[in-house]
Protein backbone atom coordinates (compact mmCIF):
# COMPACT_ATOMS: atom_id res chain seq x y z
CA UNK A 1 -14.86 -49.96 -15.73
CA UNK A 2 -15.56 -46.27 -16.19
CA UNK A 3 -13.89 -44.84 -19.26
CA UNK A 4 -11.07 -42.41 -18.47
CA UNK A 5 -11.83 -39.22 -20.30
CA UNK A 6 -9.38 -36.36 -20.87
CA UNK A 7 -11.22 -34.31 -18.23
CA UNK A 8 -10.94 -37.17 -15.70
CA UNK A 9 -7.20 -37.51 -16.33
CA UNK A 10 -6.69 -33.78 -15.83
CA UNK A 11 -8.68 -33.92 -12.58
CA UNK A 12 -6.61 -36.88 -11.32
CA UNK A 13 -3.39 -35.13 -12.27
CA UNK A 14 -4.39 -32.16 -10.12
CA UNK A 15 -4.46 -34.45 -7.08
CA UNK A 16 -0.94 -35.76 -7.59
CA UNK A 17 1.96 -34.15 -5.74
CA UNK A 18 3.97 -31.67 -7.78
CA UNK A 19 7.57 -32.82 -8.07
CA UNK A 20 9.92 -29.90 -8.64
CA UNK A 21 13.31 -30.80 -9.96
CA UNK A 22 16.11 -28.46 -8.93
CA UNK A 23 17.79 -27.18 -12.04
CA UNK A 24 21.50 -26.53 -11.96
CA UNK A 25 22.28 -22.82 -11.86
CA UNK A 26 25.49 -20.98 -11.26
CA UNK A 27 24.21 -17.51 -12.04
CA UNK A 28 25.68 -14.84 -9.83
CA UNK A 29 24.52 -11.28 -9.35
CA UNK A 30 25.55 -8.28 -7.32
CA UNK A 31 22.05 -7.68 -5.96
CA UNK A 32 18.89 -9.78 -6.00
CA UNK A 33 15.55 -8.07 -5.28
CA UNK A 34 12.56 -10.20 -4.29
CA UNK A 35 9.35 -8.52 -5.47
CA UNK A 36 8.62 -6.21 -8.41
CA UNK A 37 6.30 -3.72 -6.74
CA UNK A 38 7.24 -0.10 -6.21
CA UNK A 39 9.67 -0.81 -3.35
CA UNK A 40 11.31 -3.62 -5.28
CA UNK A 41 11.70 -1.65 -8.49
CA UNK A 42 12.95 1.37 -6.53
CA UNK A 43 15.56 -0.85 -4.86
CA UNK A 44 16.61 -2.38 -8.18
CA UNK A 45 16.97 0.97 -9.93
CA UNK A 46 18.81 2.45 -6.96
CA UNK A 47 21.21 -0.51 -6.82
CA UNK A 48 22.00 -0.16 -10.51
CA UNK A 49 22.43 3.60 -10.20
CA UNK A 50 24.80 2.98 -7.27
CA UNK A 51 27.14 0.85 -9.35
CA UNK A 52 25.80 -2.72 -9.10
CA UNK A 53 26.56 -4.37 -12.44
CA UNK A 54 24.12 -7.27 -12.34
CA UNK A 55 20.78 -6.70 -10.63
CA UNK A 56 18.06 -9.35 -10.71
CA UNK A 57 14.41 -8.86 -9.75
CA UNK A 58 12.36 -12.00 -9.05
CA UNK A 59 8.58 -11.65 -9.09
CA UNK A 60 6.23 -14.54 -8.34
CA UNK A 61 3.33 -13.01 -10.26
CA UNK A 62 2.77 -12.71 -14.00
CA UNK A 63 3.34 -8.94 -14.09
CA UNK A 64 5.27 -6.20 -12.32
CA UNK A 65 3.73 -3.49 -10.15
CA UNK A 66 2.21 -5.23 -7.13
CA UNK A 67 -0.55 -3.24 -5.47
CA UNK A 68 1.05 0.03 -6.61
CA UNK A 69 0.03 -0.41 -10.22
CA UNK A 70 -3.67 -0.26 -9.23
CA UNK A 71 -3.30 2.66 -6.79
CA UNK A 72 -4.29 6.25 -7.34
CA UNK A 73 -0.77 7.24 -6.37
CA UNK A 74 -0.86 9.62 -3.42
CA UNK A 75 2.62 10.28 -2.06
CA UNK A 76 3.14 12.32 1.13
CA UNK A 77 6.22 14.53 1.05
CA UNK A 78 7.79 17.72 2.26
CA UNK A 79 7.97 19.45 -1.10
CA UNK A 80 8.41 23.24 -0.88
CA UNK A 81 8.34 23.69 -4.68
CA UNK A 82 4.59 23.01 -4.62
CA UNK A 83 3.66 23.60 -0.97
CA UNK A 84 4.84 27.23 -1.06
CA UNK A 85 2.48 27.92 -3.97
CA UNK A 86 -0.39 27.12 -1.59
CA UNK A 87 1.20 28.95 1.38
CA UNK A 88 1.82 25.66 3.19
CA UNK A 89 4.67 25.81 5.69
CA UNK A 90 6.26 22.43 6.24
CA UNK A 91 9.55 20.82 7.19
CA UNK A 92 11.01 17.31 7.60
CA UNK A 93 11.00 17.87 11.36
CA UNK A 94 7.30 18.72 11.36
CA UNK A 95 6.46 15.80 9.10
CA UNK A 96 8.39 13.37 11.30
CA UNK A 97 6.68 14.62 14.44
CA UNK A 98 3.22 14.28 12.88
CA UNK A 99 3.90 10.76 11.55
CA UNK A 100 5.16 9.71 14.98
CA UNK A 101 2.14 11.17 16.77
CA UNK A 102 -0.31 9.72 14.22
CA UNK A 103 1.18 6.29 14.95
CA UNK A 104 0.54 6.77 18.68
CA UNK A 105 4.28 7.47 19.21
CA UNK A 106 4.96 3.80 18.69
CA UNK A 107 7.07 4.02 15.52
CA UNK A 108 10.84 4.10 15.24
CA UNK A 109 11.61 7.82 15.26
CA UNK A 110 15.02 7.35 13.65
CA UNK A 111 13.38 5.68 10.64
CA UNK A 112 10.56 8.22 10.54
CA UNK A 113 13.08 11.07 10.39
CA UNK A 114 14.87 9.44 7.47
CA UNK A 115 11.57 8.95 5.66
CA UNK A 116 10.56 12.58 6.17
CA UNK A 117 14.01 13.89 5.21
CA UNK A 118 14.15 11.87 1.99
CA UNK A 119 10.50 12.28 0.95
CA UNK A 120 11.12 15.38 -1.19
CA UNK A 121 14.19 13.91 -2.93
CA UNK A 122 12.09 10.82 -3.76
CA UNK A 123 9.65 13.06 -5.64
CA UNK A 124 12.53 14.68 -7.55
CA UNK A 125 13.88 11.20 -8.31
CA UNK A 126 10.60 10.22 -9.97
CA UNK A 127 10.43 13.54 -11.77
CA UNK A 128 13.88 12.80 -13.17
CA UNK A 129 12.42 9.63 -14.68
CA UNK A 130 9.69 11.59 -16.45
CA UNK A 131 6.86 11.58 -13.88
CA UNK A 132 4.92 14.87 -13.95
CA UNK A 133 3.29 15.72 -10.64
CA UNK A 134 0.15 17.84 -10.67
CA UNK A 135 0.21 21.39 -9.31
CA UNK A 136 -1.96 20.31 -6.41
CA UNK A 137 -1.27 19.66 -2.72
CA UNK A 138 -3.99 18.05 -0.62
CA UNK A 139 -4.70 16.32 2.68
CA UNK A 140 -4.44 12.58 1.92
CA UNK A 141 -7.04 10.20 3.32
CA UNK A 142 -6.64 9.69 6.24
CA UNK A 143 -4.44 12.51 7.50
CA UNK A 144 -4.55 16.01 8.90
CA UNK A 145 -1.92 17.96 6.96
CA UNK A 146 -1.62 19.02 3.29
CA UNK A 147 1.41 17.24 1.85
CA UNK A 148 -0.29 14.83 -0.54
CA UNK A 149 1.03 14.82 -4.12
CA UNK A 150 0.08 12.77 -7.16
CA UNK A 151 0.85 12.61 -10.84
CA UNK A 152 -2.70 11.64 -11.71
CA UNK A 153 -5.88 11.26 -9.63
CA UNK A 154 -6.70 7.84 -11.09
CA UNK A 155 -3.49 6.19 -12.27
CA UNK A 156 -0.57 7.70 -10.35
CA UNK A 157 0.67 4.31 -9.15
CA UNK A 158 0.70 3.01 -12.72
CA UNK A 159 2.77 5.99 -13.83
CA UNK A 160 5.36 5.49 -11.08
CA UNK A 161 5.72 1.80 -11.92
CA UNK A 162 6.00 2.61 -15.60
CA UNK A 163 8.73 5.19 -14.98
CA UNK A 164 10.70 2.87 -12.70
CA UNK A 165 10.37 0.05 -15.22
CA UNK A 166 11.70 2.25 -18.03
CA UNK A 167 14.64 3.27 -15.87
CA UNK A 168 15.32 -0.33 -14.80
CA UNK A 169 15.35 -1.49 -18.43
CA UNK A 170 17.71 1.34 -19.38
CA UNK A 171 20.05 0.21 -16.59
CA UNK A 172 19.84 -3.42 -17.79
CA UNK A 173 18.16 -4.68 -14.64
CA UNK A 174 16.96 -8.26 -15.22
CA UNK A 175 13.35 -9.07 -14.26
CA UNK A 176 12.00 -12.62 -14.15
CA UNK A 177 8.27 -13.15 -13.69
CA UNK A 178 6.37 -16.21 -12.45
CA UNK A 179 9.36 -16.97 -10.24
CA UNK A 180 8.69 -17.36 -6.53
CA UNK A 181 11.52 -17.24 -4.03
CA UNK A 182 11.05 -20.13 -1.62
CA UNK A 183 14.21 -19.90 0.49
CA UNK A 184 17.08 -17.61 1.36
CA UNK A 185 20.50 -19.22 1.02
CA UNK A 186 23.13 -18.69 3.70
CA UNK A 187 26.79 -19.28 4.32
CA UNK A 188 28.57 -18.47 7.57
CA UNK A 189 25.58 -16.53 8.88
CA UNK A 190 25.30 -14.29 5.83
CA UNK A 191 22.57 -14.40 3.18
CA UNK A 192 24.23 -15.34 -0.10
CA UNK A 193 21.36 -15.84 -2.50
CA UNK A 194 17.95 -17.38 -3.04
CA UNK A 195 16.28 -20.57 -4.13
CA UNK A 196 13.35 -19.86 -6.46
CA UNK A 197 10.66 -21.88 -8.16
CA UNK A 198 9.94 -20.79 -11.72
CA UNK A 199 9.34 -21.97 -15.28
CA UNK A 200 12.57 -24.01 -15.24
CA UNK A 201 11.84 -25.64 -11.89
CA UNK A 202 13.74 -24.76 -8.74
CA UNK A 203 16.87 -22.70 -9.34
CA UNK A 204 19.49 -21.10 -7.14
CA UNK A 205 20.71 -17.57 -7.69
CA UNK A 206 23.65 -16.13 -5.80
CA UNK A 207 24.40 -12.54 -4.81
CA UNK A 208 26.29 -10.49 -2.26
CA UNK A 209 23.06 -8.76 -1.25
CA UNK A 210 19.38 -9.72 -1.22
CA UNK A 211 16.54 -7.19 -0.81
CA UNK A 212 13.12 -8.38 0.37
CA UNK A 213 10.32 -6.20 -1.04
CA UNK A 214 7.27 -8.44 -1.32
CA UNK A 215 4.67 -6.11 0.19
CA UNK A 216 2.05 -6.60 2.88
CA UNK A 217 0.25 -9.78 3.97
CA UNK A 218 -3.28 -8.46 3.42
CA UNK A 219 -4.00 -11.31 0.97
CA UNK A 220 -2.98 -14.02 3.43
CA UNK A 221 -6.14 -14.98 5.39
CA UNK A 222 -4.23 -17.18 7.84
CA UNK A 223 -1.85 -14.38 8.79
CA UNK A 224 -4.71 -11.87 9.03
CA UNK A 225 -6.61 -14.15 11.41
CA UNK A 226 -3.46 -14.91 13.40
CA UNK A 227 -2.45 -11.31 14.04
CA UNK A 228 -5.68 -9.27 13.89
CA UNK A 229 -7.35 -8.23 17.15
CA UNK A 230 -10.79 -8.32 15.48
CA UNK A 231 -13.06 -11.26 16.23
CA UNK A 232 -14.12 -11.72 12.62
CA UNK A 233 -11.71 -9.86 10.36
CA UNK A 234 -12.35 -9.67 6.64
CA UNK A 235 -10.05 -12.05 4.83
CA UNK A 236 -10.00 -10.70 1.26
CA UNK A 237 -7.64 -7.79 0.64
CA UNK A 238 -8.88 -4.39 -0.49
CA UNK A 239 -7.02 -4.99 -3.76
CA UNK A 240 -9.02 -8.19 -4.33
CA UNK A 241 -12.18 -7.92 -2.21
CA UNK A 242 -14.03 -10.71 -3.96
CA UNK A 243 -11.09 -13.09 -3.72
CA UNK A 244 -11.42 -13.98 -7.40
CA UNK A 245 -8.13 -12.63 -8.75
CA UNK A 246 -4.41 -12.97 -8.21
CA UNK A 247 -3.06 -10.97 -5.28
CA UNK A 248 0.55 -11.64 -4.40
CA UNK A 249 0.52 -9.77 -1.07
CA UNK A 250 0.75 -12.92 1.03
CA UNK A 251 3.65 -12.03 3.31
CA UNK A 252 6.33 -14.02 1.48
CA UNK A 253 9.13 -11.67 2.45
CA UNK A 254 8.16 -11.79 6.12
CA UNK A 255 8.21 -15.58 6.09
CA UNK A 256 11.52 -15.72 4.20
CA UNK A 257 13.06 -13.26 6.63
CA UNK A 258 11.93 -14.98 9.81
CA UNK A 259 13.29 -18.29 8.49
CA UNK A 260 16.80 -16.80 8.72
CA UNK A 261 16.24 -15.07 12.05
CA UNK A 262 14.81 -11.67 11.11
CA UNK A 263 12.92 -9.88 13.87
CA UNK A 264 9.33 -8.70 13.36
CA UNK A 265 7.62 -5.57 14.61
CA UNK A 266 4.01 -4.32 14.90
CA UNK A 267 2.38 -7.39 13.38
CA UNK A 268 -1.04 -6.86 15.07
CA UNK A 269 -1.47 -3.39 13.54
CA UNK A 270 -3.58 -4.20 10.51
CA UNK A 271 -5.55 -1.53 8.68
CA UNK A 272 -9.01 -2.35 7.45
CA UNK A 273 -10.27 0.25 5.01
CA UNK A 274 -13.53 1.07 3.25
CA UNK A 275 -12.87 1.19 -0.49
CA UNK A 276 -14.63 -1.64 -2.31
CA UNK A 277 -18.02 0.10 -2.21
CA UNK A 278 -19.15 3.70 -2.12
CA UNK A 279 -15.90 5.55 -1.37
CA UNK A 280 -14.41 7.23 -4.41
CA UNK A 281 -12.00 9.83 -3.01
CA UNK A 282 -8.36 9.62 -1.92
CA UNK A 283 -8.44 12.88 0.03
CA UNK A 284 -10.22 14.25 3.08
CA UNK A 285 -13.06 16.74 2.94
CA UNK A 286 -15.07 15.86 -0.16
CA UNK A 287 -17.43 13.16 1.13
CA UNK A 288 -19.48 12.17 4.16
CA UNK A 289 -20.16 8.84 5.88
CA UNK A 290 -23.65 8.08 7.15
CA UNK A 291 -25.22 5.03 8.79
CA UNK A 292 -28.38 3.19 7.76
CA UNK A 293 -30.48 5.94 9.36
CA UNK A 294 -28.83 8.64 7.27
CA UNK A 295 -26.88 10.11 10.19
CA UNK A 296 -23.17 10.87 10.41
CA UNK A 297 -21.31 8.94 13.11
CA UNK A 298 -17.62 9.88 12.72
CA UNK A 299 -15.13 12.46 11.50
CA UNK A 300 -14.49 11.22 7.95
CA UNK A 301 -10.78 12.03 8.25
CA UNK A 302 -9.96 9.83 11.26
CA UNK A 303 -7.37 7.08 11.07
CA UNK A 304 -8.36 3.68 9.73
CA UNK A 305 -8.34 1.98 13.15
CA UNK A 306 -10.60 4.70 14.61
CA UNK A 307 -12.99 4.35 11.68
CA UNK A 308 -12.97 0.57 12.12
CA UNK A 309 -13.94 1.02 15.75
CA UNK A 310 -16.69 3.55 14.97
CA UNK A 311 -18.09 1.44 12.15
CA UNK A 312 -18.20 -1.66 14.35
CA UNK A 313 -20.98 0.04 16.36
CA UNK A 314 -23.15 0.77 13.32
CA UNK A 315 -25.92 -1.59 12.16
CA UNK A 316 -24.43 -4.30 9.96
CA UNK A 317 -20.96 -2.80 10.25
CA UNK A 318 -21.51 -0.88 7.02
CA UNK A 319 -22.09 2.72 6.01
CA UNK A 320 -23.14 4.88 3.08
CA UNK A 321 -20.54 7.17 1.49
CA UNK A 322 -21.85 10.27 -0.29
CA UNK A 323 -20.11 12.80 -2.51
CA UNK A 324 -21.27 15.09 -5.31
CA UNK A 325 -20.19 16.17 -8.80
CA UNK A 326 -17.58 18.66 -7.52
CA UNK A 327 -15.20 16.09 -6.05
CA UNK A 328 -12.11 14.70 -7.82
CA UNK A 329 -12.89 11.00 -8.04
CA UNK A 330 -10.40 8.15 -8.16
CA UNK A 331 -9.76 5.40 -10.64
CA UNK A 332 -12.59 3.15 -9.41
CA UNK A 333 -15.51 5.41 -10.28
CA UNK A 334 -16.24 4.06 -13.78
CA UNK A 335 -16.10 0.43 -12.70
CA UNK A 336 -18.21 1.04 -9.60
CA UNK A 337 -20.88 2.84 -11.59
CA UNK A 338 -20.96 0.02 -14.14
CA UNK A 339 -21.32 -2.66 -11.46
CA UNK A 340 -23.82 -0.72 -9.35
CA UNK A 341 -21.53 -0.43 -6.33
CA UNK A 342 -21.96 3.32 -6.73
CA UNK A 343 -25.18 4.98 -7.85
CA UNK A 344 -26.01 8.50 -9.04
CA UNK A 345 -29.02 10.58 -8.06
CA UNK A 346 -30.31 13.92 -9.34
CA UNK A 347 -31.34 15.10 -5.86
CA UNK A 348 -31.35 14.11 -2.20
CA UNK A 349 -34.92 12.78 -2.33
CA UNK A 350 -34.02 10.31 -5.07
CA UNK A 351 -30.84 9.29 -3.25
CA UNK A 352 -32.71 8.72 0.03
CA UNK A 353 -35.35 6.62 -1.71
CA UNK A 354 -32.70 4.31 -3.19
CA UNK A 355 -30.92 4.10 0.17
CA UNK A 356 -34.23 3.39 1.95
CA UNK A 357 -33.61 6.33 4.29
CA UNK A 358 -36.02 9.03 5.44
CA UNK A 359 -35.30 11.92 3.03
CA UNK A 360 -35.89 14.53 5.73
CA UNK A 361 -33.22 12.93 7.94
CA UNK A 362 -30.73 12.81 5.07
CA UNK A 363 -31.48 16.41 4.07
CA UNK A 364 -30.93 17.54 7.64
CA UNK A 365 -27.66 15.59 7.87
CA UNK A 366 -26.25 17.07 4.66
CA UNK A 367 -27.46 20.58 5.48
CA UNK A 368 -25.89 20.44 8.93
CA UNK A 369 -22.63 19.13 7.49
CA UNK A 370 -22.54 21.93 4.90
CA UNK A 371 -22.98 24.49 7.66
CA UNK A 372 -19.86 23.03 9.33
CA UNK A 373 -17.98 23.35 6.04
CA UNK A 374 -18.87 27.05 5.82
CA UNK A 375 -17.59 27.83 9.30
CA UNK A 376 -14.65 25.41 9.12
CA UNK A 377 -15.46 23.29 12.15
CA UNK A 378 -17.57 20.21 12.80
CA UNK A 379 -19.51 20.70 16.04
CA UNK A 380 -20.53 17.02 16.11
CA UNK A 381 -17.26 15.14 15.57
CA UNK A 382 -14.52 17.76 15.54
CA UNK A 383 -13.64 17.58 11.85
CA UNK A 384 -11.66 20.61 10.62
CA UNK A 385 -10.56 19.55 7.12
CA UNK A 386 -13.04 20.42 4.39
CA UNK A 387 -12.65 20.95 0.65
CA UNK A 388 -16.26 21.56 -0.36
CA UNK A 389 -19.92 21.42 0.58
CA UNK A 390 -21.93 18.41 -0.60
CA UNK A 391 -24.51 20.25 -2.67
CA UNK A 392 -23.96 20.04 -6.45
CA UNK A 393 -25.88 17.19 -8.13
CA UNK A 394 -25.65 14.57 -9.32
CA UNK A 395 -24.85 12.88 -6.02
CA UNK A 396 -22.68 9.75 -5.96
CA UNK A 397 -23.31 7.19 -3.21
CA UNK A 398 -22.87 3.56 -2.26
CA UNK A 399 -22.64 1.13 0.64
CA UNK A 400 -19.14 0.71 2.02
CA UNK A 401 -17.45 -2.19 3.81
CA UNK A 402 -14.03 -2.80 5.33
CA UNK A 403 -11.31 -5.13 4.07
CA UNK A 404 -7.68 -5.78 5.04
CA UNK A 405 -5.66 -3.15 3.22
CA UNK A 406 -2.34 -2.39 4.84
CA UNK A 407 -0.37 -4.31 7.42
CA UNK A 408 1.95 -2.11 9.47
CA UNK A 409 3.92 -5.11 10.70
CA UNK A 410 6.89 -6.76 9.12
CA UNK A 411 10.66 -7.16 9.25
CA UNK A 412 12.49 -4.77 11.53
CA UNK A 413 15.16 -2.69 9.77
CA UNK A 414 17.66 0.05 10.60
CA UNK A 415 18.31 3.33 8.77
CA UNK A 416 20.38 1.48 6.16
CA UNK A 417 17.41 -0.83 5.44
CA UNK A 418 19.38 -3.78 6.82
CA UNK A 419 17.18 -6.57 8.20
CA UNK A 420 17.75 -6.99 11.93
CA UNK A 421 17.72 -10.13 14.05
CA UNK A 422 16.10 -10.44 17.48
CA UNK A 423 19.24 -9.05 19.10
CA UNK A 424 18.95 -5.90 16.98
CA UNK A 425 21.97 -6.78 14.84
CA UNK A 426 22.01 -6.67 11.02
CA UNK A 427 21.78 -9.97 9.19
CA UNK A 428 24.72 -9.79 6.75
CA UNK A 429 23.60 -9.57 3.14
CA UNK A 430 19.89 -9.13 3.87
CA UNK A 431 17.95 -5.89 3.33
CA UNK A 432 14.23 -5.14 3.35
CA UNK A 433 12.12 -2.24 2.10
CA UNK A 434 8.58 -1.00 1.80
CA UNK A 435 5.55 -2.84 3.08
CA UNK A 436 7.55 -5.96 3.93
CA UNK A 437 9.00 -4.03 6.87
CA UNK A 438 7.47 -3.07 10.22
CA UNK A 439 8.13 -0.81 13.15
CA UNK A 440 8.42 2.39 11.15
CA UNK A 441 5.19 4.35 11.46
CA UNK A 442 3.69 2.82 14.59
CA UNK A 443 0.16 1.66 15.25
CA UNK A 444 -1.48 3.73 12.51
CA UNK A 445 -0.38 4.91 9.07
CA UNK A 446 -1.20 8.27 7.54
CA UNK A 447 -2.58 8.44 4.02
CA UNK A 448 0.06 8.63 1.30
CA UNK A 449 2.80 7.27 3.53
CA UNK A 450 2.90 3.79 1.97
CA UNK A 451 4.35 5.13 -1.28
CA UNK A 452 6.72 7.39 0.66
CA UNK A 453 7.97 4.43 2.70
CA UNK A 454 8.44 2.26 -0.41
CA UNK A 455 10.28 4.92 -2.39
CA UNK A 456 12.53 6.18 0.39
CA UNK A 457 13.57 2.84 1.85
CA UNK A 458 13.58 1.15 -1.55
CA UNK A 459 16.20 3.67 -2.66
CA UNK A 460 18.18 3.19 0.55
CA UNK A 461 18.03 -0.61 0.37
CA UNK A 462 19.23 -0.62 -3.22
CA UNK A 463 22.05 1.79 -2.52
CA UNK A 464 23.27 -0.06 0.58
CA UNK A 465 22.91 -3.46 -1.11
CA UNK A 466 25.08 -2.20 -3.99
CA UNK A 467 27.69 -0.84 -1.59
CA UNK A 468 27.98 -4.22 0.06
CA UNK A 469 28.24 -5.97 -3.30
CA UNK A 470 30.96 -3.63 -4.54
CA UNK A 471 33.07 -4.34 -1.45
CA UNK A 472 33.03 -8.08 -2.12
């Protein structure tokens, strides 16, 4: 008989079913928030600020922050304090109209108006927690209007999470990590708490209000394949393109919500973005996209779905992204240079040689593009947003691909962030916020709007959840 080694025993143990014993728990809270990303933390802080005495945040991962903690941090907002400095005329009405039109007029205009109206106050809210926004307003990628703000070009998301976490701790919000909510509890049609699997086994936590804020489902390959219209969609999220790391964006909140009758909206509208390769910028106008022949094939500021369509017609479904030393690069530049995803070249000839492209073609492409920058209009693809010519070496370049990034679909909500059932009625005690929700922006999302959505509706969900709790 083969000797049973320690390694063999461990391997056999991995094949056995995991038996989770439900631990007795009688803990009660005013508000429970599922998910510790930016929407979840915003909801928790807002609930505590609105009078909720006991607020609990349950996070299945080993750390707070979700995708936000890795993001550069672009937030789109109507913010006259900065926009007026750059002679930018804006208003909530104009922002709402542009969001609605960008989404092919498919979004819920009542929700869009709330998001636009409360976008500026959300910035002031973060400022009140110590976040310092840069004196810079830009056109986020992708978008067509200058209302992009950030606290830092490479770690804005980290700074927002850090500020919200400080505020949550000051308000005595409880956060429990490595604790996955597996079921919503109900009584008489109302959501009354959650069942969660954590270090102590399966526990039940009760509350007057539950907020779902678990993010997108970009890291759930089965859901991506089920809802995407693409024949062969990428199945690793843009936050984890190699599929080697933890990514909690698996649609938990959507599945929890539908189990208690929540309605879904816009599930097929999935954004695939180029960002694991050569792209380094979070704004429009500082880079160009070329195919394997060295020729441009699209306006670099178009929406993600339009870029996906254009790129699908290029050889191999990939492109080169080129910028120069003038551009303000994002947080990924150091890592991409170290791994070779992005290269540097002293001149166009050297760059073309590495790309295996005819240098004369590439020179002509860049020269023609720069002429469009100087006159402010792209005769080839209609681009009108430029920040610079591509002309100051060294040049930065790399091959770019597309991965699932943002899923527009999710739980349908109203202007109070209450989760709605298929009849359009609120499910008592259940709220949802941020990327767990759907039906807000329509078929396409403008750059910077994800943070705006999470902050605005996170605040609303927390406030309304606290109001319900205080009435009990």
